[in-house]
Amino acid sequence: MPSKKSKLHLYADECIPIPSIIYLKKKGISVVHAYDINFVKKPDIIHLKKSKQLNRILLSLDKDFKKFKEFSLQNHPGVILISTGDVTPESINKILDKSFKHVTESSAKDSLTLVTIDKIIRERDGEITKKTI
């Protein structure tokens, strides 16, 4: 997990559990949760636009973002999707710990990044890169 001086700036949609938000903040990651700004029960496109407006990487568990074609991620801070069979905060936090050692704002920019317990898969401009972690 990044040090207290992390450069990651995240916007987490309502799918991310509050205990994981608290965990990220304790790790020094700047994160705004949808609940923090009363932005719940909004369509995915609105969360994408909000993350761009806030200039923060969108963090979500919502796999709908993988097939979202109406919105370009060009000039967008990026989207990080957490993929886990177990959506408990403990499982999510474990994936975040392991994957965020390899994720930076520049690597997330303009891309959709899928993180799992053992992989990072990034799609940018139709190009897919995979990294085992």
N, C-alpha and C. Protein backbone atom coordinates (compact mmCIF):
# COMPACT_ATOMS: atom_id res chain seq x y z
N MET A 1 0.85 -1.17 0.00
CA MET A 1 0.00 0.00 0.00
C MET A 1 0.90 1.23 0.00
N PRO A 2 0.50 2.27 -0.70
CA PRO A 2 1.33 3.47 -0.74
C PRO A 2 1.56 4.05 0.65
N SER A 3 2.62 4.82 0.76
CA SER A 3 2.91 5.46 2.04
C SER A 3 1.91 6.57 2.31
N LYS A 4 2.07 7.22 3.45
CA LYS A 4 1.18 8.32 3.84
C LYS A 4 1.24 9.46 2.83
N LYS A 5 2.25 9.48 1.96
CA LYS A 5 2.40 10.54 0.98
C LYS A 5 1.87 10.10 -0.39
N SER A 6 0.90 9.22 -0.40
CA SER A 6 0.36 8.69 -1.64
C SER A 6 -0.16 9.82 -2.53
N LYS A 7 0.05 9.64 -3.80
CA LYS A 7 -0.42 10.63 -4.77
C LYS A 7 -1.77 10.23 -5.36
N LEU A 8 -2.30 9.08 -4.97
CA LEU A 8 -3.59 8.66 -5.50
C LEU A 8 -4.71 9.52 -4.96
N HIS A 9 -5.56 9.96 -5.86
CA HIS A 9 -6.75 10.72 -5.51
C HIS A 9 -7.94 9.97 -6.10
N LEU A 10 -8.77 9.42 -5.23
CA LEU A 10 -9.85 8.55 -5.66
C LEU A 10 -11.22 9.15 -5.38
N TYR A 11 -12.15 8.76 -6.22
CA TYR A 11 -13.58 8.99 -5.98
C TYR A 11 -14.21 7.61 -5.99
N ALA A 12 -14.75 7.18 -4.85
CA ALA A 12 -15.33 5.85 -4.73
C ALA A 12 -16.84 5.93 -4.85
N ASP A 13 -17.40 5.11 -5.74
CA ASP A 13 -18.86 5.11 -5.84
C ASP A 13 -19.44 4.35 -4.66
N GLU A 14 -20.77 4.31 -4.59
CA GLU A 14 -21.44 3.73 -3.42
C GLU A 14 -21.25 2.23 -3.28
N CYS A 15 -20.69 1.56 -4.30
CA CYS A 15 -20.43 0.12 -4.21
C CYS A 15 -19.30 -0.20 -3.24
N ILE A 16 -18.41 0.73 -3.04
CA ILE A 16 -17.27 0.51 -2.15
C ILE A 16 -17.75 0.66 -0.71
N PRO A 17 -17.57 -0.38 0.12
CA PRO A 17 -18.06 -0.29 1.50
C PRO A 17 -17.30 0.75 2.33
N ILE A 18 -18.02 1.37 3.23
CA ILE A 18 -17.45 2.41 4.09
C ILE A 18 -16.20 1.92 4.85
N PRO A 19 -16.19 0.70 5.39
CA PRO A 19 -14.95 0.26 6.07
C PRO A 19 -13.72 0.28 5.15
N SER A 20 -13.91 0.04 3.87
CA SER A 20 -12.78 0.11 2.93
C SER A 20 -12.35 1.56 2.70
N ILE A 21 -13.29 2.48 2.72
CA ILE A 21 -12.97 3.90 2.59
C ILE A 21 -12.14 4.34 3.79
N ILE A 22 -12.58 3.96 4.97
CA ILE A 22 -11.85 4.30 6.20
C ILE A 22 -10.44 3.70 6.14
N TYR A 23 -10.34 2.47 5.68
CA TYR A 23 -9.06 1.79 5.55
C TYR A 23 -8.12 2.56 4.61
N LEU A 24 -8.62 2.96 3.45
CA LEU A 24 -7.81 3.71 2.49
C LEU A 24 -7.33 5.03 3.09
N LYS A 25 -8.23 5.72 3.77
CA LYS A 25 -7.86 7.01 4.37
C LYS A 25 -6.78 6.82 5.44
N LYS A 26 -6.87 5.75 6.22
CA LYS A 26 -5.84 5.47 7.23
C LYS A 26 -4.50 5.18 6.57
N LYS A 27 -4.53 4.66 5.34
CA LYS A 27 -3.31 4.37 4.60
C LYS A 27 -2.74 5.61 3.90
N GLY A 28 -3.43 6.73 4.04
CA GLY A 28 -2.94 7.98 3.46
C GLY A 28 -3.41 8.26 2.05
N ILE A 29 -4.40 7.53 1.59
CA ILE A 29 -4.91 7.75 0.24
C ILE A 29 -6.06 8.75 0.32
N SER A 30 -6.02 9.72 -0.55
CA SER A 30 -7.07 10.73 -0.61
C SER A 30 -8.27 10.13 -1.36
N VAL A 31 -9.37 9.98 -0.65
CA VAL A 31 -10.55 9.37 -1.26
C VAL A 31 -11.82 10.11 -0.83
N VAL A 32 -12.64 10.40 -1.81
CA VAL A 32 -13.96 10.98 -1.59
C VAL A 32 -14.96 9.89 -1.93
N HIS A 33 -15.85 9.60 -1.00
CA HIS A 33 -16.86 8.57 -1.22
C HIS A 33 -18.15 9.24 -1.68
N ALA A 34 -18.92 8.53 -2.49
CA ALA A 34 -20.20 9.07 -2.98
C ALA A 34 -21.08 9.55 -1.83
N TYR A 35 -21.03 8.84 -0.71
CA TYR A 35 -21.82 9.26 0.46
C TYR A 35 -21.34 10.59 1.02
N ASP A 36 -20.04 10.87 0.91
CA ASP A 36 -19.48 12.12 1.43
C ASP A 36 -20.11 13.34 0.78
N ILE A 37 -20.50 13.17 -0.48
CA ILE A 37 -21.03 14.31 -1.24
C ILE A 37 -22.49 14.10 -1.63
N ASN A 38 -23.16 13.19 -0.90
CA ASN A 38 -24.58 12.91 -1.14
C ASN A 38 -24.84 12.56 -2.61
N PHE A 39 -24.03 11.66 -3.12
CA PHE A 39 -24.10 11.27 -4.53
C PHE A 39 -24.42 9.80 -4.66
N VAL A 40 -25.47 9.36 -4.00
CA VAL A 40 -25.85 7.96 -4.02
C VAL A 40 -27.02 7.74 -4.96
N LYS A 41 -27.17 6.49 -5.40
CA LYS A 41 -28.23 6.10 -6.33
C LYS A 41 -28.21 6.91 -7.62
N LYS A 42 -27.01 7.17 -8.08
CA LYS A 42 -26.82 7.89 -9.35
C LYS A 42 -26.42 6.87 -10.42
N PRO A 43 -26.78 7.13 -11.67
CA PRO A 43 -26.35 6.24 -12.76
C PRO A 43 -24.82 6.25 -12.92
N ASP A 44 -24.31 5.17 -13.49
CA ASP A 44 -22.87 5.03 -13.68
C ASP A 44 -22.27 6.22 -14.44
N ILE A 45 -22.94 6.69 -15.46
CA ILE A 45 -22.42 7.81 -16.25
C ILE A 45 -22.22 9.05 -15.39
N ILE A 46 -23.09 9.23 -14.42
CA ILE A 46 -22.97 10.39 -13.53
C ILE A 46 -21.73 10.24 -12.63
N HIS A 47 -21.47 9.01 -12.17
CA HIS A 47 -20.26 8.79 -11.37
C HIS A 47 -19.00 9.00 -12.22
N LEU A 48 -19.03 8.58 -13.47
CA LEU A 48 -17.89 8.83 -14.36
C LEU A 48 -17.65 10.33 -14.54
N LYS A 49 -18.71 11.05 -14.78
CA LYS A 49 -18.59 12.51 -14.96
C LYS A 49 -18.13 13.19 -13.68
N LYS A 50 -18.64 12.73 -12.54
CA LYS A 50 -18.27 13.33 -11.26
C LYS A 50 -16.79 13.09 -10.98
N SER A 51 -16.30 11.89 -11.24
CA SER A 51 -14.89 11.62 -11.00
C SER A 51 -14.00 12.49 -11.89
N LYS A 52 -14.45 12.72 -13.12
CA LYS A 52 -13.70 13.60 -14.01
C LYS A 52 -13.73 15.04 -13.50
N GLN A 53 -14.90 15.48 -13.08
CA GLN A 53 -15.05 16.84 -12.55
C GLN A 53 -14.15 17.04 -11.32
N LEU A 54 -14.09 16.03 -10.46
CA LEU A 54 -13.26 16.11 -9.25
C LEU A 54 -11.78 15.82 -9.53
N ASN A 55 -11.48 15.38 -10.76
CA ASN A 55 -10.13 14.98 -11.16
C ASN A 55 -9.60 13.88 -10.25
N ARG A 56 -10.45 12.86 -10.05
CA ARG A 56 -10.11 11.72 -9.20
C ARG A 56 -10.41 10.43 -9.95
N ILE A 57 -9.60 9.43 -9.71
CA ILE A 57 -9.80 8.11 -10.30
C ILE A 57 -11.06 7.50 -9.68
N LEU A 58 -11.94 6.99 -10.52
CA LEU A 58 -13.15 6.34 -10.03
C LEU A 58 -12.81 4.94 -9.56
N LEU A 59 -13.19 4.61 -8.33
CA LEU A 59 -12.98 3.29 -7.75
C LEU A 59 -14.34 2.64 -7.57
N SER A 60 -14.48 1.40 -8.08
CA SER A 60 -15.79 0.75 -8.04
C SER A 60 -15.65 -0.77 -8.02
N LEU A 61 -16.73 -1.40 -7.65
CA LEU A 61 -16.88 -2.86 -7.78
C LEU A 61 -17.83 -3.19 -8.92
N ASP A 62 -18.44 -2.18 -9.51
CA ASP A 62 -19.49 -2.32 -10.50
C ASP A 62 -18.93 -2.72 -11.86
N LYS A 63 -19.11 -3.98 -12.23
CA LYS A 63 -18.56 -4.50 -13.49
C LYS A 63 -19.21 -3.89 -14.73
N ASP A 64 -20.31 -3.15 -14.56
CA ASP A 64 -20.93 -2.47 -15.71
C ASP A 64 -19.94 -1.52 -16.38
N PHE A 65 -18.99 -1.01 -15.63
CA PHE A 65 -18.02 -0.09 -16.22
C PHE A 65 -17.16 -0.76 -17.28
N LYS A 66 -17.02 -2.09 -17.22
CA LYS A 66 -16.22 -2.81 -18.22
C LYS A 66 -16.83 -2.72 -19.61
N LYS A 67 -18.14 -2.62 -19.67
CA LYS A 67 -18.80 -2.60 -20.98
C LYS A 67 -19.39 -1.24 -21.32
N PHE A 68 -18.97 -0.22 -20.61
CA PHE A 68 -19.50 1.12 -20.81
C PHE A 68 -18.85 1.75 -22.04
N LYS A 69 -19.62 1.98 -23.07
CA LYS A 69 -19.05 2.52 -24.32
C LYS A 69 -19.50 3.95 -24.61
N GLU A 70 -20.48 4.45 -23.85
CA GLU A 70 -21.02 5.79 -24.12
C GLU A 70 -20.08 6.91 -23.66
N PHE A 71 -19.11 6.57 -22.87
CA PHE A 71 -18.27 7.58 -22.24
C PHE A 71 -16.81 7.25 -22.50
N SER A 72 -16.10 8.18 -23.09
CA SER A 72 -14.68 7.97 -23.37
C SER A 72 -13.86 8.24 -22.12
N LEU A 73 -12.84 7.44 -21.92
CA LEU A 73 -11.94 7.67 -20.80
C LEU A 73 -10.74 8.53 -21.21
N GLN A 74 -10.76 9.00 -22.45
CA GLN A 74 -9.70 9.91 -22.88
C GLN A 74 -9.84 11.21 -22.10
N ASN A 75 -8.73 11.70 -21.56
CA ASN A 75 -8.70 12.88 -20.70
C ASN A 75 -9.51 12.68 -19.42
N HIS A 76 -9.56 11.47 -18.94
CA HIS A 76 -10.26 11.13 -17.70
C HIS A 76 -9.20 10.59 -16.72
N PRO A 77 -9.36 10.84 -15.43
CA PRO A 77 -8.39 10.32 -14.46
C PRO A 77 -8.31 8.79 -14.44
N GLY A 78 -9.34 8.12 -14.95
CA GLY A 78 -9.32 6.66 -15.04
C GLY A 78 -10.33 6.00 -14.12
N VAL A 79 -10.49 4.70 -14.34
CA VAL A 79 -11.42 3.89 -13.56
C VAL A 79 -10.65 2.67 -13.07
N ILE A 80 -10.78 2.38 -11.78
CA ILE A 80 -10.22 1.16 -11.21
C ILE A 80 -11.38 0.31 -10.72
N LEU A 81 -11.49 -0.89 -11.28
CA LEU A 81 -12.51 -1.84 -10.87
C LEU A 81 -11.87 -2.93 -10.04
N ILE A 82 -12.47 -3.19 -8.90
CA ILE A 82 -12.00 -4.27 -8.04
C ILE A 82 -12.83 -5.49 -8.37
N SER A 83 -12.15 -6.59 -8.68
CA SER A 83 -12.85 -7.83 -8.98
C SER A 83 -12.53 -8.85 -7.91
N THR A 84 -13.56 -9.23 -7.18
CA THR A 84 -13.39 -10.21 -6.11
C THR A 84 -14.67 -11.02 -5.97
N GLY A 85 -14.53 -12.27 -5.65
CA GLY A 85 -15.71 -13.09 -5.41
C GLY A 85 -16.33 -12.79 -4.06
N ASP A 86 -15.55 -12.23 -3.19
CA ASP A 86 -15.97 -11.93 -1.83
C ASP A 86 -15.92 -10.42 -1.64
N VAL A 87 -17.07 -9.78 -1.49
CA VAL A 87 -17.10 -8.31 -1.42
C VAL A 87 -17.07 -7.79 0.02
N THR A 88 -16.52 -8.58 0.92
CA THR A 88 -16.35 -8.08 2.28
C THR A 88 -15.22 -7.05 2.28
N PRO A 89 -15.27 -6.09 3.19
CA PRO A 89 -14.19 -5.10 3.26
C PRO A 89 -12.81 -5.75 3.41
N GLU A 90 -12.72 -6.83 4.15
CA GLU A 90 -11.42 -7.49 4.34
C GLU A 90 -10.86 -7.98 3.01
N SER A 91 -11.70 -8.58 2.19
CA SER A 91 -11.26 -9.08 0.89
C SER A 91 -10.89 -7.92 -0.04
N ILE A 92 -11.71 -6.90 -0.05
CA ILE A 92 -11.44 -5.71 -0.88
C ILE A 92 -10.14 -5.06 -0.44
N ASN A 93 -9.95 -4.89 0.85
CA ASN A 93 -8.74 -4.24 1.36
C ASN A 93 -7.48 -5.03 1.01
N LYS A 94 -7.59 -6.34 1.03
CA LYS A 94 -6.45 -7.20 0.67
C LYS A 94 -6.05 -6.96 -0.79
N ILE A 95 -7.03 -6.87 -1.66
CA ILE A 95 -6.76 -6.60 -3.08
C ILE A 95 -6.17 -5.20 -3.24
N LEU A 96 -6.73 -4.22 -2.54
CA LEU A 96 -6.20 -2.86 -2.63
C LEU A 96 -4.75 -2.80 -2.16
N ASP A 97 -4.45 -3.45 -1.04
CA ASP A 97 -3.08 -3.47 -0.54
C ASP A 97 -2.11 -4.01 -1.58
N LYS A 98 -2.48 -5.11 -2.17
CA LYS A 98 -1.58 -5.77 -3.12
C LYS A 98 -1.48 -4.99 -4.44
N SER A 99 -2.60 -4.53 -4.96
CA SER A 99 -2.59 -3.90 -6.29
C SER A 99 -2.12 -2.44 -6.27
N PHE A 100 -2.41 -1.72 -5.19
CA PHE A 100 -2.05 -0.30 -5.18
C PHE A 100 -0.55 -0.07 -5.08
N LYS A 101 0.21 -1.11 -4.85
CA LYS A 101 1.67 -0.98 -4.93
C LYS A 101 2.10 -0.76 -6.38
N HIS A 102 1.21 -1.10 -7.31
CA HIS A 102 1.54 -1.06 -8.74
C HIS A 102 0.71 -0.04 -9.52
N VAL A 103 -0.16 0.69 -8.85
CA VAL A 103 -1.06 1.64 -9.53
C VAL A 103 -0.66 3.06 -9.16
N THR A 104 -0.51 3.88 -10.18
CA THR A 104 -0.23 5.30 -9.98
C THR A 104 -1.28 6.11 -10.74
N GLU A 105 -1.33 7.38 -10.47
CA GLU A 105 -2.28 8.22 -11.20
C GLU A 105 -1.98 8.20 -12.69
N SER A 106 -0.70 8.21 -13.05
CA SER A 106 -0.37 8.21 -14.48
C SER A 106 -0.71 6.88 -15.14
N SER A 107 -0.57 5.76 -14.41
CA SER A 107 -0.92 4.47 -15.01
C SER A 107 -2.43 4.30 -15.13
N ALA A 108 -3.19 4.95 -14.26
CA ALA A 108 -4.65 4.84 -14.30
C ALA A 108 -5.27 5.80 -15.31
N LYS A 109 -4.59 6.90 -15.60
CA LYS A 109 -5.16 7.93 -16.46
C LYS A 109 -5.59 7.38 -17.82
N ASP A 110 -6.75 7.80 -18.25
CA ASP A 110 -7.30 7.44 -19.57
C ASP A 110 -7.56 5.95 -19.72
N SER A 111 -7.63 5.21 -18.62
CA SER A 111 -7.75 3.76 -18.76
C SER A 111 -8.75 3.15 -17.78
N LEU A 112 -9.14 1.94 -18.12
CA LEU A 112 -9.94 1.10 -17.24
C LEU A 112 -8.98 0.05 -16.69
N THR A 113 -8.83 0.02 -15.38
CA THR A 113 -7.90 -0.90 -14.74
C THR A 113 -8.69 -1.86 -13.87
N LEU A 114 -8.57 -3.13 -14.15
CA LEU A 114 -9.22 -4.18 -13.37
C LEU A 114 -8.16 -4.77 -12.43
N VAL A 115 -8.46 -4.75 -11.12
CA VAL A 115 -7.51 -5.31 -10.16
C VAL A 115 -8.15 -6.51 -9.47
N THR A 116 -7.36 -7.58 -9.36
CA THR A 116 -7.77 -8.78 -8.65
C THR A 116 -6.68 -9.08 -7.63
N ILE A 117 -6.83 -10.15 -6.91
CA ILE A 117 -5.83 -10.51 -5.90
C ILE A 117 -4.48 -10.83 -6.53
N ASP A 118 -4.46 -11.23 -7.79
CA ASP A 118 -3.17 -11.60 -8.38
C ASP A 118 -2.88 -10.99 -9.75
N LYS A 119 -3.76 -10.08 -10.23
CA LYS A 119 -3.56 -9.49 -11.56
C LYS A 119 -3.99 -8.04 -11.61
N ILE A 120 -3.36 -7.33 -12.52
CA ILE A 120 -3.81 -5.99 -12.91
C ILE A 120 -3.96 -6.03 -14.42
N ILE A 121 -5.15 -5.73 -14.90
CA ILE A 121 -5.43 -5.72 -16.34
C ILE A 121 -5.86 -4.31 -16.70
N ARG A 122 -5.12 -3.70 -17.60
CA ARG A 122 -5.37 -2.31 -17.96
C ARG A 122 -5.75 -2.22 -19.43
N GLU A 123 -6.84 -1.50 -19.69
CA GLU A 123 -7.25 -1.24 -21.07
C GLU A 123 -7.20 0.26 -21.31
N ARG A 124 -6.40 0.62 -22.30
CA ARG A 124 -6.26 2.03 -22.68
C ARG A 124 -6.20 2.10 -24.20
N ASP A 125 -7.09 2.89 -24.76
CA ASP A 125 -7.13 3.05 -26.23
C ASP A 125 -7.18 1.72 -26.96
N GLY A 126 -7.96 0.77 -26.45
CA GLY A 126 -8.11 -0.53 -27.08
C GLY A 126 -6.97 -1.50 -26.84
N GLU A 127 -5.91 -1.04 -26.22
CA GLU A 127 -4.75 -1.89 -25.93
C GLU A 127 -4.88 -2.44 -24.51
N ILE A 128 -4.70 -3.75 -24.37
CA ILE A 128 -4.82 -4.40 -23.07
C ILE A 128 -3.45 -4.89 -22.61
N THR A 129 -3.11 -4.52 -21.36
CA THR A 129 -1.87 -5.02 -20.76
C THR A 129 -2.24 -5.76 -19.48
N LYS A 130 -1.50 -6.84 -19.22
CA LYS A 130 -1.75 -7.66 -18.04
C LYS A 130 -0.47 -7.77 -17.24
N LYS A 131 -0.64 -7.71 -15.93
CA LYS A 131 0.50 -7.85 -15.05
C LYS A 131 0.10 -8.77 -13.90
N THR A 132 0.92 -9.76 -13.65
CA THR A 132 0.73 -10.64 -12.50
C THR A 132 1.40 -10.00 -11.29
N ILE A 133 0.69 -9.98 -10.19
CA ILE A 133 1.25 -9.36 -8.97
C ILE A 133 1.35 -10.38 -7.84
